[in-house]
N, C-alpha and C. Protein backbone atom coordinates (compact mmCIF):
# COMPACT_ATOMS: atom_id res chain seq x y z
N MET A 1 43.89 154.83 -76.53
CA MET A 1 44.62 153.56 -76.76
C MET A 1 45.14 153.11 -78.32
N HIS A 2 44.00 153.31 -79.19
CA HIS A 2 44.29 153.17 -80.44
C HIS A 2 45.01 153.90 -81.13
N ARG A 3 45.19 154.95 -80.76
CA ARG A 3 46.00 156.14 -81.19
C ARG A 3 47.51 155.96 -80.79
N LEU A 4 47.65 155.47 -79.63
CA LEU A 4 48.95 155.14 -79.07
C LEU A 4 49.67 153.84 -79.45
N VAL A 5 48.84 152.64 -79.22
CA VAL A 5 49.45 151.29 -79.34
C VAL A 5 50.14 150.88 -80.74
N PRO A 6 49.25 151.24 -81.86
CA PRO A 6 49.88 150.85 -83.18
C PRO A 6 51.17 151.42 -83.39
N PRO A 7 51.32 153.00 -83.19
CA PRO A 7 52.77 153.44 -83.54
C PRO A 7 53.82 152.91 -82.61
N VAL A 8 53.44 152.63 -81.48
CA VAL A 8 54.64 152.02 -80.48
C VAL A 8 54.91 150.88 -81.09
N LEU A 9 53.95 149.85 -81.29
CA LEU A 9 54.24 148.29 -81.72
C LEU A 9 55.10 148.41 -83.18
N ARG A 10 54.61 149.31 -84.00
CA ARG A 10 55.22 149.18 -85.42
C ARG A 10 56.71 149.74 -85.10
N ALA A 11 56.87 150.53 -84.40
CA ALA A 11 58.29 150.97 -84.12
C ALA A 11 59.11 149.86 -83.57
N VAL A 12 58.62 149.10 -82.56
CA VAL A 12 59.36 148.12 -81.92
C VAL A 12 59.47 146.89 -82.79
N TRP A 13 58.21 146.43 -83.36
CA TRP A 13 58.47 145.27 -84.21
C TRP A 13 59.00 145.48 -85.96
N ARG A 14 58.68 146.66 -86.39
CA ARG A 14 59.13 147.07 -87.64
C ARG A 14 58.69 145.82 -88.63
N PRO A 15 57.41 145.57 -88.69
CA PRO A 15 56.86 144.78 -89.59
C PRO A 15 57.14 144.96 -91.18
N THR A 16 57.29 144.03 -92.11
CA THR A 16 57.09 144.69 -93.32
C THR A 16 55.71 144.25 -93.81
N VAL A 17 55.26 145.40 -94.61
CA VAL A 17 53.90 145.60 -95.04
C VAL A 17 53.67 145.86 -96.38
N HIS A 18 52.97 145.08 -97.31
CA HIS A 18 52.72 145.23 -98.54
C HIS A 18 51.29 145.33 -98.98
N GLY A 19 50.73 146.23 -99.97
CA GLY A 19 49.65 146.24 -100.25
C GLY A 19 48.60 147.13 -99.49
N LEU A 20 49.25 148.09 -98.68
CA LEU A 20 48.19 148.94 -98.06
C LEU A 20 47.00 149.60 -98.85
N GLU A 21 47.40 149.69 -100.11
CA GLU A 21 46.44 150.43 -101.04
C GLU A 21 45.48 149.80 -101.18
N HIS A 22 45.46 148.30 -100.95
CA HIS A 22 44.28 147.49 -101.22
C HIS A 22 43.17 147.62 -100.33
N VAL A 23 43.46 148.09 -98.97
CA VAL A 23 42.47 148.04 -98.05
C VAL A 23 41.68 149.68 -98.21
N PRO A 24 40.24 149.48 -98.39
CA PRO A 24 39.58 150.63 -98.47
C PRO A 24 39.47 151.52 -97.21
N ARG A 25 39.57 152.84 -97.63
CA ARG A 25 39.72 153.68 -96.22
C ARG A 25 38.49 153.78 -95.70
N HIS A 26 37.60 153.68 -96.04
CA HIS A 26 35.99 154.02 -95.79
C HIS A 26 35.07 152.92 -96.08
N GLY A 27 34.11 152.57 -95.57
CA GLY A 27 33.08 151.66 -95.75
C GLY A 27 33.32 150.27 -95.07
N GLY A 28 32.32 149.48 -95.07
CA GLY A 28 32.27 148.24 -94.55
C GLY A 28 33.31 147.30 -95.30
N VAL A 29 34.11 146.49 -94.89
CA VAL A 29 35.11 145.80 -95.54
C VAL A 29 35.60 144.53 -94.45
N ILE A 30 35.75 143.39 -95.10
CA ILE A 30 36.32 142.15 -94.25
C ILE A 30 37.71 142.06 -94.52
N LEU A 31 38.64 141.96 -93.54
CA LEU A 31 39.87 141.44 -93.64
C LEU A 31 40.01 140.05 -93.35
N ALA A 32 40.25 139.11 -94.40
CA ALA A 32 40.29 137.80 -94.20
C ALA A 32 41.71 137.20 -94.28
N SER A 33 42.27 136.68 -93.25
CA SER A 33 43.40 136.39 -93.14
C SER A 33 43.88 134.92 -92.75
N ASN A 34 45.05 134.33 -93.18
CA ASN A 34 45.45 133.04 -92.37
C ASN A 34 45.89 133.22 -91.04
N HIS A 35 45.89 132.17 -90.14
CA HIS A 35 45.96 132.36 -88.76
C HIS A 35 47.19 131.26 -88.39
N LEU A 36 48.25 131.94 -87.64
CA LEU A 36 49.49 131.27 -87.41
C LEU A 36 49.76 131.42 -85.96
N SER A 37 49.14 132.53 -85.22
CA SER A 37 49.49 132.92 -83.81
C SER A 37 48.42 133.64 -83.17
N PHE A 38 48.51 133.69 -81.72
CA PHE A 38 47.53 134.53 -81.03
C PHE A 38 47.97 136.08 -81.38
N VAL A 39 49.12 136.39 -81.90
CA VAL A 39 49.42 137.77 -82.12
C VAL A 39 48.88 138.05 -83.41
N ASP A 40 48.27 137.28 -84.26
CA ASP A 40 47.93 137.89 -85.36
C ASP A 40 46.81 138.96 -85.37
N SER A 41 45.93 138.84 -84.35
CA SER A 41 44.92 139.94 -84.07
C SER A 41 45.29 141.06 -83.45
N VAL A 42 46.71 141.14 -82.99
CA VAL A 42 47.36 142.42 -82.74
C VAL A 42 48.05 142.92 -84.02
N VAL A 43 48.78 141.94 -84.63
CA VAL A 43 49.51 142.66 -85.78
C VAL A 43 48.64 143.20 -86.93
N ILE A 44 47.54 142.56 -87.31
CA ILE A 44 46.79 143.26 -88.53
C ILE A 44 46.31 144.70 -88.04
N PRO A 45 45.68 144.75 -86.79
CA PRO A 45 44.99 146.14 -86.57
C PRO A 45 46.49 147.18 -86.22
N VAL A 46 47.49 146.72 -85.88
CA VAL A 46 48.78 147.56 -85.88
C VAL A 46 49.03 148.24 -87.25
N VAL A 47 48.95 147.42 -88.29
CA VAL A 47 49.70 147.76 -89.59
C VAL A 47 48.39 148.27 -90.66
N ALA A 48 47.29 147.96 -90.40
CA ALA A 48 46.12 148.33 -91.26
C ALA A 48 45.93 149.93 -91.00
N PRO A 49 45.51 150.40 -92.28
CA PRO A 49 45.63 151.80 -92.36
C PRO A 49 44.20 152.31 -91.61
N ARG A 50 43.39 151.69 -91.03
CA ARG A 50 42.13 151.90 -90.51
C ARG A 50 41.83 150.81 -89.32
N GLN A 51 41.09 151.27 -88.22
CA GLN A 51 40.78 150.21 -87.15
C GLN A 51 40.07 149.12 -87.69
N VAL A 52 40.48 148.10 -87.27
CA VAL A 52 40.01 146.64 -87.72
C VAL A 52 39.41 146.19 -86.31
N VAL A 53 38.01 145.61 -86.43
CA VAL A 53 37.70 144.97 -85.24
C VAL A 53 37.70 143.42 -85.49
N PHE A 54 38.17 142.78 -84.32
CA PHE A 54 38.46 141.35 -84.28
C PHE A 54 37.62 140.86 -82.95
N LEU A 55 37.23 139.58 -82.93
CA LEU A 55 36.66 139.12 -82.02
C LEU A 55 37.76 138.34 -81.05
N ALA A 56 37.59 138.53 -79.67
CA ALA A 56 38.78 137.95 -78.87
C ALA A 56 37.73 137.16 -77.66
N LYS A 57 38.54 136.23 -77.09
CA LYS A 57 37.90 135.43 -75.94
C LYS A 57 37.55 136.32 -74.72
N SER A 58 36.31 136.04 -74.34
CA SER A 58 35.76 137.07 -73.20
C SER A 58 36.54 137.14 -72.23
N ASP A 59 37.44 136.00 -71.90
CA ASP A 59 38.09 135.93 -70.77
C ASP A 59 38.98 137.20 -70.54
N TYR A 60 39.54 137.74 -71.74
CA TYR A 60 40.49 138.86 -71.80
C TYR A 60 39.78 140.28 -71.35
N PHE A 61 38.31 140.21 -71.13
CA PHE A 61 37.65 141.37 -70.94
C PHE A 61 36.98 141.26 -69.33
N THR A 62 37.14 140.19 -68.73
CA THR A 62 36.85 139.84 -67.52
C THR A 62 37.38 139.75 -66.23
N GLY A 63 38.58 140.13 -66.37
CA GLY A 63 39.63 139.96 -65.27
C GLY A 63 39.31 140.98 -64.41
N THR A 64 39.76 140.78 -63.34
CA THR A 64 39.67 141.81 -61.86
C THR A 64 40.95 142.42 -61.62
N GLY A 65 40.79 143.71 -60.86
CA GLY A 65 42.24 144.41 -60.40
C GLY A 65 42.58 145.06 -61.51
N LEU A 66 43.97 145.36 -61.19
CA LEU A 66 44.78 146.40 -62.00
C LEU A 66 45.08 145.43 -63.43
N LYS A 67 45.37 144.26 -63.24
CA LYS A 67 45.85 143.17 -64.39
C LYS A 67 44.48 143.18 -65.18
N GLY A 68 43.43 142.97 -64.50
CA GLY A 68 42.17 142.88 -65.40
C GLY A 68 41.70 144.16 -66.29
N ALA A 69 41.87 145.25 -65.73
CA ALA A 69 41.63 146.53 -66.09
C ALA A 69 42.62 146.85 -67.42
N ALA A 70 43.83 146.64 -67.13
CA ALA A 70 44.91 146.73 -68.12
C ALA A 70 44.62 145.90 -69.34
N SER A 71 44.22 144.61 -69.27
CA SER A 71 43.87 143.66 -70.23
C SER A 71 42.72 144.00 -71.08
N ARG A 72 41.68 144.60 -70.33
CA ARG A 72 40.52 145.01 -70.97
C ARG A 72 40.77 146.30 -71.81
N ALA A 73 41.56 147.23 -71.21
CA ALA A 73 41.99 148.43 -71.95
C ALA A 73 42.64 148.21 -73.25
N TRP A 74 43.61 147.28 -73.29
CA TRP A 74 44.47 146.69 -74.09
C TRP A 74 43.59 146.16 -75.39
N PHE A 75 42.74 145.47 -75.01
CA PHE A 75 41.99 144.57 -76.05
C PHE A 75 40.90 145.57 -76.82
N GLU A 76 40.38 146.34 -75.87
CA GLU A 76 39.48 147.22 -76.30
C GLU A 76 39.91 148.46 -77.12
N GLY A 77 41.20 148.87 -76.70
CA GLY A 77 42.06 149.95 -77.25
C GLY A 77 42.20 149.45 -78.85
N LEU A 78 42.38 148.11 -79.00
CA LEU A 78 42.70 147.58 -80.37
C LEU A 78 41.48 147.11 -81.23
N GLY A 79 40.52 147.48 -80.69
CA GLY A 79 39.21 147.41 -81.24
C GLY A 79 38.56 145.93 -81.20
N MET A 80 38.92 145.28 -80.18
CA MET A 80 38.51 143.85 -80.08
C MET A 80 37.24 143.78 -79.42
N LEU A 81 36.27 142.84 -79.69
CA LEU A 81 35.10 142.65 -79.01
C LEU A 81 34.95 141.31 -78.44
N PRO A 82 34.40 141.13 -77.31
CA PRO A 82 34.38 139.80 -76.41
C PRO A 82 33.45 138.83 -77.11
N VAL A 83 33.86 137.38 -77.15
CA VAL A 83 33.00 136.41 -77.47
C VAL A 83 33.35 135.20 -76.64
N ASP A 84 32.27 134.64 -76.02
CA ASP A 84 32.47 133.60 -75.59
C ASP A 84 32.41 132.11 -76.32
N ARG A 85 33.68 131.70 -76.40
CA ARG A 85 33.91 130.59 -77.35
C ARG A 85 33.42 129.09 -76.91
N ASP A 86 33.27 129.09 -75.59
CA ASP A 86 32.59 127.96 -75.07
C ASP A 86 30.87 127.86 -75.21
N ASP A 87 30.33 128.92 -75.53
CA ASP A 87 29.02 129.19 -75.72
C ASP A 87 28.56 128.35 -76.99
N THR A 88 27.74 127.30 -76.95
CA THR A 88 27.38 126.65 -78.25
C THR A 88 27.00 127.52 -79.34
N ARG A 89 26.23 128.63 -78.81
CA ARG A 89 25.86 129.40 -79.97
C ARG A 89 26.64 130.78 -80.29
N ALA A 90 27.86 130.52 -79.93
CA ALA A 90 28.95 131.68 -79.99
C ALA A 90 29.17 131.90 -81.62
N ALA A 91 29.23 130.87 -82.54
CA ALA A 91 29.33 131.15 -83.79
C ALA A 91 28.40 131.89 -84.45
N ILE A 92 26.95 131.67 -84.13
CA ILE A 92 26.01 132.55 -84.64
C ILE A 92 25.97 133.87 -84.17
N LYS A 93 26.47 133.97 -82.85
CA LYS A 93 26.41 135.31 -82.16
C LYS A 93 27.62 136.05 -82.78
N SER A 94 28.68 135.41 -83.16
CA SER A 94 29.75 136.17 -83.85
C SER A 94 29.37 136.84 -85.15
N LEU A 95 28.69 135.86 -85.98
CA LEU A 95 28.03 136.39 -87.23
C LEU A 95 27.25 137.76 -87.09
N ASP A 96 26.43 137.60 -86.03
CA ASP A 96 25.66 138.66 -85.74
C ASP A 96 26.26 139.96 -85.39
N VAL A 97 27.28 139.75 -84.49
CA VAL A 97 28.18 140.88 -84.20
C VAL A 97 29.06 141.45 -85.27
N ALA A 98 29.57 140.56 -86.23
CA ALA A 98 30.25 141.00 -87.37
C ALA A 98 29.37 141.85 -88.36
N LEU A 99 28.08 141.47 -88.57
CA LEU A 99 27.19 142.08 -89.48
C LEU A 99 26.92 143.54 -88.74
N GLU A 100 26.71 143.63 -87.49
CA GLU A 100 26.59 145.05 -87.04
C GLU A 100 27.79 145.88 -87.23
N VAL A 101 28.83 145.35 -87.12
CA VAL A 101 30.21 146.06 -87.25
C VAL A 101 30.17 146.43 -88.70
N LEU A 102 29.89 145.68 -89.72
CA LEU A 102 30.15 145.90 -91.16
C LEU A 102 28.91 146.92 -91.49
N GLY A 103 27.71 146.75 -90.91
CA GLY A 103 26.55 147.69 -91.12
C GLY A 103 26.70 149.06 -90.65
N ARG A 104 27.83 149.22 -89.63
CA ARG A 104 28.39 150.64 -89.31
C ARG A 104 29.38 151.12 -90.14
N GLY A 105 29.70 150.46 -91.23
CA GLY A 105 30.70 150.91 -92.12
C GLY A 105 32.19 150.66 -91.71
N GLU A 106 32.35 149.58 -90.61
CA GLU A 106 33.69 149.46 -90.27
C GLU A 106 34.41 148.12 -90.82
N ALA A 107 35.55 148.02 -90.45
CA ALA A 107 36.37 146.95 -90.92
C ALA A 107 36.22 145.91 -89.88
N PHE A 108 36.15 144.53 -90.45
CA PHE A 108 36.08 143.42 -89.60
C PHE A 108 37.17 142.36 -89.89
N GLY A 109 37.90 141.85 -88.95
CA GLY A 109 38.81 140.98 -89.31
C GLY A 109 38.30 139.56 -89.01
N ILE A 110 38.66 138.50 -89.67
CA ILE A 110 38.28 137.30 -89.51
C ILE A 110 39.27 136.24 -90.01
N TYR A 111 39.29 134.93 -89.46
CA TYR A 111 40.23 133.76 -89.75
C TYR A 111 39.26 132.99 -90.34
N PRO A 112 39.11 132.79 -91.80
CA PRO A 112 38.27 131.62 -92.35
C PRO A 112 38.73 130.28 -92.05
N GLU A 113 39.97 129.95 -91.53
CA GLU A 113 40.43 128.59 -91.19
C GLU A 113 39.66 128.23 -89.69
N GLY A 114 39.30 129.28 -89.01
CA GLY A 114 38.46 128.82 -87.73
C GLY A 114 39.32 128.94 -86.37
N THR A 115 40.64 128.50 -86.49
CA THR A 115 41.41 128.41 -85.51
C THR A 115 43.01 128.38 -86.15
N ARG A 116 43.85 128.72 -85.39
CA ARG A 116 45.30 128.85 -85.81
C ARG A 116 45.84 127.50 -86.57
N SER A 117 46.74 127.61 -87.35
CA SER A 117 47.30 126.38 -87.84
C SER A 117 48.49 126.17 -86.82
N ARG A 118 48.74 124.82 -86.35
CA ARG A 118 49.75 124.53 -85.53
C ARG A 118 51.02 123.66 -86.36
N ASP A 119 50.75 123.51 -87.61
CA ASP A 119 51.66 122.94 -88.48
C ASP A 119 52.16 123.69 -89.56
N GLY A 120 51.60 125.03 -89.80
CA GLY A 120 52.07 125.88 -90.67
C GLY A 120 51.47 125.79 -92.03
N ARG A 121 50.58 124.83 -92.16
CA ARG A 121 49.94 124.57 -93.34
C ARG A 121 48.52 125.53 -93.62
N LEU A 122 48.11 125.71 -94.71
CA LEU A 122 46.90 126.68 -94.77
C LEU A 122 45.62 125.69 -94.82
N TYR A 123 44.78 125.79 -94.01
CA TYR A 123 43.60 124.91 -93.97
C TYR A 123 42.47 125.56 -94.77
N ARG A 124 41.34 124.44 -94.96
CA ARG A 124 40.47 124.94 -95.69
C ARG A 124 39.45 125.88 -95.12
N GLY A 125 38.75 126.95 -95.96
CA GLY A 125 38.11 128.02 -95.06
C GLY A 125 36.70 127.54 -95.06
N ARG A 126 36.31 128.04 -93.87
CA ARG A 126 34.92 128.06 -93.54
C ARG A 126 34.19 129.20 -94.15
N THR A 127 32.81 128.88 -94.30
CA THR A 127 32.05 129.82 -95.23
C THR A 127 31.56 130.79 -94.50
N GLY A 128 31.67 131.23 -93.22
CA GLY A 128 31.13 132.29 -92.43
C GLY A 128 31.76 133.49 -93.20
N VAL A 129 33.06 133.56 -93.50
CA VAL A 129 33.50 134.69 -94.37
C VAL A 129 32.59 135.33 -95.54
N ALA A 130 32.29 134.21 -96.34
CA ALA A 130 31.29 134.51 -97.54
C ALA A 130 29.96 134.90 -97.19
N HIS A 131 29.42 134.20 -96.24
CA HIS A 131 28.08 134.66 -95.56
C HIS A 131 28.20 136.07 -95.20
N LEU A 132 29.08 136.49 -94.44
CA LEU A 132 29.19 137.77 -94.28
C LEU A 132 29.32 138.90 -95.50
N ALA A 133 30.11 138.60 -96.31
CA ALA A 133 30.36 139.49 -97.45
C ALA A 133 29.06 139.59 -98.23
N LEU A 134 28.50 138.24 -98.57
CA LEU A 134 27.35 138.25 -99.37
C LEU A 134 25.98 139.03 -98.45
N THR A 135 25.84 138.80 -97.35
CA THR A 135 24.89 139.36 -96.68
C THR A 135 24.93 140.96 -96.51
N ALA A 136 26.20 141.26 -96.23
CA ALA A 136 26.33 142.89 -95.96
C ALA A 136 26.76 143.61 -97.23
N GLY A 137 27.16 142.92 -98.41
CA GLY A 137 27.41 143.39 -99.55
C GLY A 137 28.63 144.14 -99.64
N VAL A 138 29.76 143.55 -98.97
CA VAL A 138 30.92 144.40 -98.49
C VAL A 138 32.16 143.59 -99.28
N PRO A 139 33.18 144.13 -99.97
CA PRO A 139 34.38 143.47 -100.26
C PRO A 139 35.13 142.70 -99.33
N ILE A 140 35.94 141.80 -99.66
CA ILE A 140 36.98 140.93 -98.93
C ILE A 140 38.32 141.27 -99.21
N VAL A 141 39.08 141.64 -98.44
CA VAL A 141 40.34 141.98 -98.43
C VAL A 141 41.22 140.80 -98.08
N PRO A 142 41.89 139.79 -98.87
CA PRO A 142 42.76 138.87 -98.45
C PRO A 142 44.02 139.28 -97.58
N VAL A 143 44.31 138.55 -96.58
CA VAL A 143 45.65 138.99 -95.92
C VAL A 143 46.33 137.73 -95.56
N GLY A 144 47.61 137.88 -95.93
CA GLY A 144 48.87 136.87 -95.88
C GLY A 144 49.62 137.42 -94.80
N LEU A 145 49.83 136.59 -93.75
CA LEU A 145 50.78 136.81 -92.58
C LEU A 145 51.89 135.83 -92.56
N THR A 146 53.22 136.19 -92.61
CA THR A 146 54.34 135.32 -92.55
C THR A 146 55.20 135.59 -91.37
N GLY A 147 55.68 134.74 -90.59
CA GLY A 147 56.63 134.91 -89.21
C GLY A 147 55.99 135.08 -87.99
N THR A 148 54.73 135.33 -88.01
CA THR A 148 53.87 135.59 -86.69
C THR A 148 54.22 134.36 -85.63
N GLU A 149 54.33 133.17 -86.33
CA GLU A 149 54.24 131.94 -85.31
C GLU A 149 55.53 131.79 -84.65
N ARG A 150 56.51 132.58 -85.04
CA ARG A 150 57.88 132.49 -84.39
C ARG A 150 57.94 133.61 -83.15
N VAL A 151 56.93 134.49 -83.06
CA VAL A 151 57.02 135.41 -82.01
C VAL A 151 56.84 135.03 -80.55
N GLN A 152 56.08 133.86 -80.14
CA GLN A 152 56.02 133.27 -78.98
C GLN A 152 55.88 131.70 -79.35
N PRO A 153 57.06 131.17 -79.80
CA PRO A 153 56.94 129.65 -79.95
C PRO A 153 56.38 128.83 -78.65
N VAL A 154 55.84 127.59 -78.96
CA VAL A 154 55.49 126.75 -77.91
C VAL A 154 56.45 126.44 -76.90
N GLY A 155 56.50 126.59 -75.59
CA GLY A 155 57.33 126.48 -74.56
C GLY A 155 58.34 127.78 -73.96
N SER A 156 57.80 128.90 -74.90
CA SER A 156 58.38 130.12 -74.80
C SER A 156 57.44 131.04 -73.72
N SER A 157 57.89 131.76 -72.88
CA SER A 157 57.20 132.50 -71.81
C SER A 157 56.75 134.00 -72.39
N VAL A 158 57.86 134.33 -73.22
CA VAL A 158 58.10 135.93 -73.47
C VAL A 158 58.01 135.95 -74.98
N PRO A 159 57.51 136.89 -75.62
CA PRO A 159 57.57 137.29 -77.03
C PRO A 159 58.74 137.47 -77.54
N HIS A 160 59.18 137.14 -78.86
CA HIS A 160 60.39 137.42 -79.45
C HIS A 160 60.13 138.41 -80.63
N LEU A 161 61.23 139.20 -80.83
CA LEU A 161 61.22 140.30 -81.98
C LEU A 161 61.43 139.56 -83.18
N VAL A 162 60.87 139.18 -84.12
CA VAL A 162 61.19 138.42 -85.31
C VAL A 162 60.78 139.11 -86.39
N PRO A 163 61.34 138.75 -87.47
CA PRO A 163 60.81 139.36 -88.84
C PRO A 163 59.05 139.06 -89.03
N ILE A 164 58.37 140.02 -89.41
CA ILE A 164 57.09 139.41 -89.74
C ILE A 164 56.47 140.39 -91.02
N THR A 165 55.99 139.67 -91.84
CA THR A 165 55.38 140.40 -93.15
C THR A 165 53.97 140.15 -93.05
N VAL A 166 53.23 141.19 -93.43
CA VAL A 166 51.94 141.30 -93.75
C VAL A 166 51.54 141.74 -95.14
N ARG A 167 50.83 140.93 -95.92
CA ARG A 167 50.49 141.32 -97.22
C ARG A 167 48.92 141.34 -97.37
N PHE A 168 48.64 142.52 -97.90
CA PHE A 168 47.12 142.61 -98.34
C PHE A 168 46.89 142.52 -99.95
N GLY A 169 45.97 141.67 -100.06
CA GLY A 169 45.88 141.53 -101.46
C GLY A 169 44.65 142.36 -102.06
N GLU A 170 44.51 142.32 -103.32
CA GLU A 170 43.36 143.00 -103.96
C GLU A 170 41.95 142.61 -103.57
N PRO A 171 41.12 143.58 -103.36
CA PRO A 171 39.68 143.26 -102.78
C PRO A 171 38.97 142.49 -103.64
N ILE A 172 38.20 141.39 -103.00
CA ILE A 172 37.39 140.48 -103.85
C ILE A 172 35.98 140.88 -103.53
N HIS A 173 35.49 141.37 -104.69
CA HIS A 173 33.92 142.01 -104.66
C HIS A 173 32.88 140.99 -104.95
N VAL A 174 31.95 140.76 -104.12
CA VAL A 174 31.01 139.96 -104.28
C VAL A 174 29.66 140.34 -104.68
N ALA A 175 29.25 141.73 -104.33
CA ALA A 175 27.88 142.18 -104.76
C ALA A 175 27.55 142.11 -106.05
N GLY A 176 26.34 141.35 -106.32
CA GLY A 176 25.82 141.30 -107.57
C GLY A 176 26.39 140.15 -108.29
N ARG A 177 27.47 139.29 -107.86
CA ARG A 177 27.92 138.49 -108.76
C ARG A 177 27.22 137.13 -108.74
N PHE A 178 26.46 136.78 -107.60
CA PHE A 178 25.90 135.54 -107.40
C PHE A 178 24.45 135.50 -107.43
N GLU A 179 23.85 136.51 -108.04
CA GLU A 179 22.28 136.26 -108.35
C GLU A 179 21.83 135.08 -109.05
N GLY A 180 20.93 134.54 -108.36
CA GLY A 180 20.20 133.09 -108.93
C GLY A 180 21.34 131.94 -108.58
N VAL A 181 22.26 132.11 -107.95
CA VAL A 181 23.19 131.08 -107.61
C VAL A 181 22.76 130.58 -106.36
N PRO A 182 22.51 129.23 -105.87
CA PRO A 182 22.26 128.68 -104.66
C PRO A 182 23.02 129.22 -103.66
N SER A 183 22.66 129.53 -102.45
CA SER A 183 23.15 130.21 -101.42
C SER A 183 24.46 129.39 -101.02
N GLY A 184 24.27 128.08 -100.87
CA GLY A 184 25.35 127.22 -100.34
C GLY A 184 26.51 127.18 -101.22
N ARG A 185 26.19 127.25 -102.59
CA ARG A 185 27.25 127.22 -103.69
C ARG A 185 28.05 128.46 -103.70
N ALA A 186 27.32 129.55 -103.64
CA ALA A 186 27.73 130.85 -103.57
C ALA A 186 28.99 131.09 -102.43
N ARG A 187 28.35 130.65 -101.18
CA ARG A 187 29.33 130.80 -99.91
C ARG A 187 30.65 129.79 -100.31
N ARG A 188 30.30 128.72 -100.88
CA ARG A 188 31.64 127.72 -101.10
C ARG A 188 32.72 128.50 -101.89
N GLU A 189 32.05 129.05 -103.29
CA GLU A 189 32.87 129.53 -104.21
C GLU A 189 33.61 130.81 -103.67
N VAL A 190 32.93 131.66 -103.01
CA VAL A 190 33.47 132.94 -102.40
C VAL A 190 34.64 132.63 -101.44
N THR A 191 34.34 131.54 -100.61
CA THR A 191 35.29 131.02 -99.54
C THR A 191 36.55 130.49 -100.21
N ASP A 192 36.26 129.87 -101.13
CA ASP A 192 37.32 129.19 -101.77
C ASP A 192 38.40 130.19 -102.71
N GLU A 193 37.77 131.01 -103.20
CA GLU A 193 38.47 132.29 -103.93
C GLU A 193 39.05 133.10 -102.85
N VAL A 194 38.59 133.25 -101.58
CA VAL A 194 39.68 134.05 -100.90
C VAL A 194 40.66 133.25 -100.03
N MET A 195 40.43 131.76 -99.93
CA MET A 195 41.65 131.37 -99.39
C MET A 195 42.69 130.91 -100.65
N ALA A 196 42.36 130.73 -101.88
CA ALA A 196 43.25 130.75 -102.85
C ALA A 196 44.15 132.11 -102.87
N ALA A 197 43.41 133.19 -102.69
CA ALA A 197 44.15 134.41 -102.60
C ALA A 197 44.97 134.57 -101.50
N VAL A 198 44.57 133.97 -100.25
CA VAL A 198 45.65 133.89 -99.10
C VAL A 198 46.88 133.24 -99.45
N GLN A 199 46.43 132.13 -100.18
CA GLN A 199 47.60 131.11 -100.32
C GLN A 199 48.73 131.77 -101.21
N ARG A 200 48.14 132.45 -102.14
CA ARG A 200 49.23 133.10 -102.90
C ARG A 200 49.88 134.19 -102.36
N LEU A 201 49.34 134.76 -101.34
CA LEU A 201 50.18 135.96 -100.55
C LEU A 201 51.12 135.37 -99.47
N THR A 202 50.81 134.01 -98.94
CA THR A 202 51.69 133.52 -98.16
C THR A 202 52.66 132.23 -98.57
N GLY A 203 52.35 131.74 -99.74
CA GLY A 203 53.06 130.48 -100.03
C GLY A 203 52.88 129.19 -99.37
N GLN A 204 51.83 129.22 -98.39
CA GLN A 204 51.58 127.99 -97.67
C GLN A 204 51.14 126.86 -98.33
N VAL A 205 51.56 125.69 -97.81
CA VAL A 205 51.13 124.37 -98.30
C VAL A 205 49.64 124.37 -97.89
N GLU A 206 48.81 123.84 -98.83
CA GLU A 206 47.38 123.75 -98.60
C GLU A 206 47.09 122.35 -97.83
N ALA A 207 46.33 122.40 -96.82
CA ALA A 207 46.19 121.10 -96.09
C ALA A 207 45.19 120.35 -96.69
N GLY A 208 44.16 121.02 -97.32
CA GLY A 208 42.83 120.26 -97.98
C GLY A 208 41.83 119.92 -97.06
N VAL A 209 41.84 120.17 -95.83
CA VAL A 209 41.05 119.48 -94.94
C VAL A 209 40.55 120.75 -93.99
N TYR A 210 39.51 120.71 -93.15
CA TYR A 210 39.32 121.78 -92.06
C TYR A 210 40.19 121.66 -90.98
N ASN A 211 40.53 122.80 -90.21
CA ASN A 211 41.31 122.81 -89.15
C ASN A 211 40.40 122.73 -87.85
N GLU A 212 40.64 121.99 -86.93
CA GLU A 212 39.74 121.88 -85.74
C GLU A 212 40.45 122.36 -84.34
N ARG A 213 39.93 123.10 -83.70
CA ARG A 213 40.50 123.54 -82.46
C ARG A 213 40.40 122.44 -81.27
N PRO A 214 41.61 122.32 -80.67
CA PRO A 214 42.22 121.36 -79.63
C PRO A 214 41.06 121.51 -78.53
N VAL A 215 40.69 120.47 -78.01
CA VAL A 215 39.78 120.63 -76.93
C VAL A 215 40.18 121.55 -75.66
N ASP A 216 41.45 121.66 -75.45
CA ASP A 216 41.99 122.43 -74.22
C ASP A 216 42.68 123.77 -74.99
N ALA A 217 42.27 124.06 -75.98
CA ALA A 217 42.85 125.42 -76.61
C ALA A 217 41.86 126.58 -76.09
């Protein structure tokens, strides 16, 4: 699936991609992106030069029958792992899973905003991305997506072929930079550095506040 799906989707979507040289081809790395649409977790693995693991709602993996099997094969083929977002301990479990992925020398994708932006602004980053990088000692590659919010606008039942641009920024290295710095301060500084890099890639207006997931999302 992973050998087949990305080339096919690239041929259909024809996304514009910049900065692929910034993504390390080997070793643990975090790809930290802005979040505009549910398709972001498809677009990044499709254009990245290596397989990227994202977390996805566990509902996508538990369906029955032919449709359930197809959904499971699709998301597993793109390298996604299930997480129960309704579990109060899901955030901790997600970090543990991410550290396992990074410990195997793989690439892990994350959205520091926590949930997708519904107004197009860039929201303040949560510090989980910094915790992962500082704990695992891996670099963070900022990613800027533009256009994905138009793939399937609210009220549309089918995806649209629209121009999409993906920009990979220069890696942010954290190993050895924060020795002696209180952990909370280090996580905040790293996260703010990542979000500033993402903003430069996208040009989004900064919201200055955290984004909250709607109750019915």
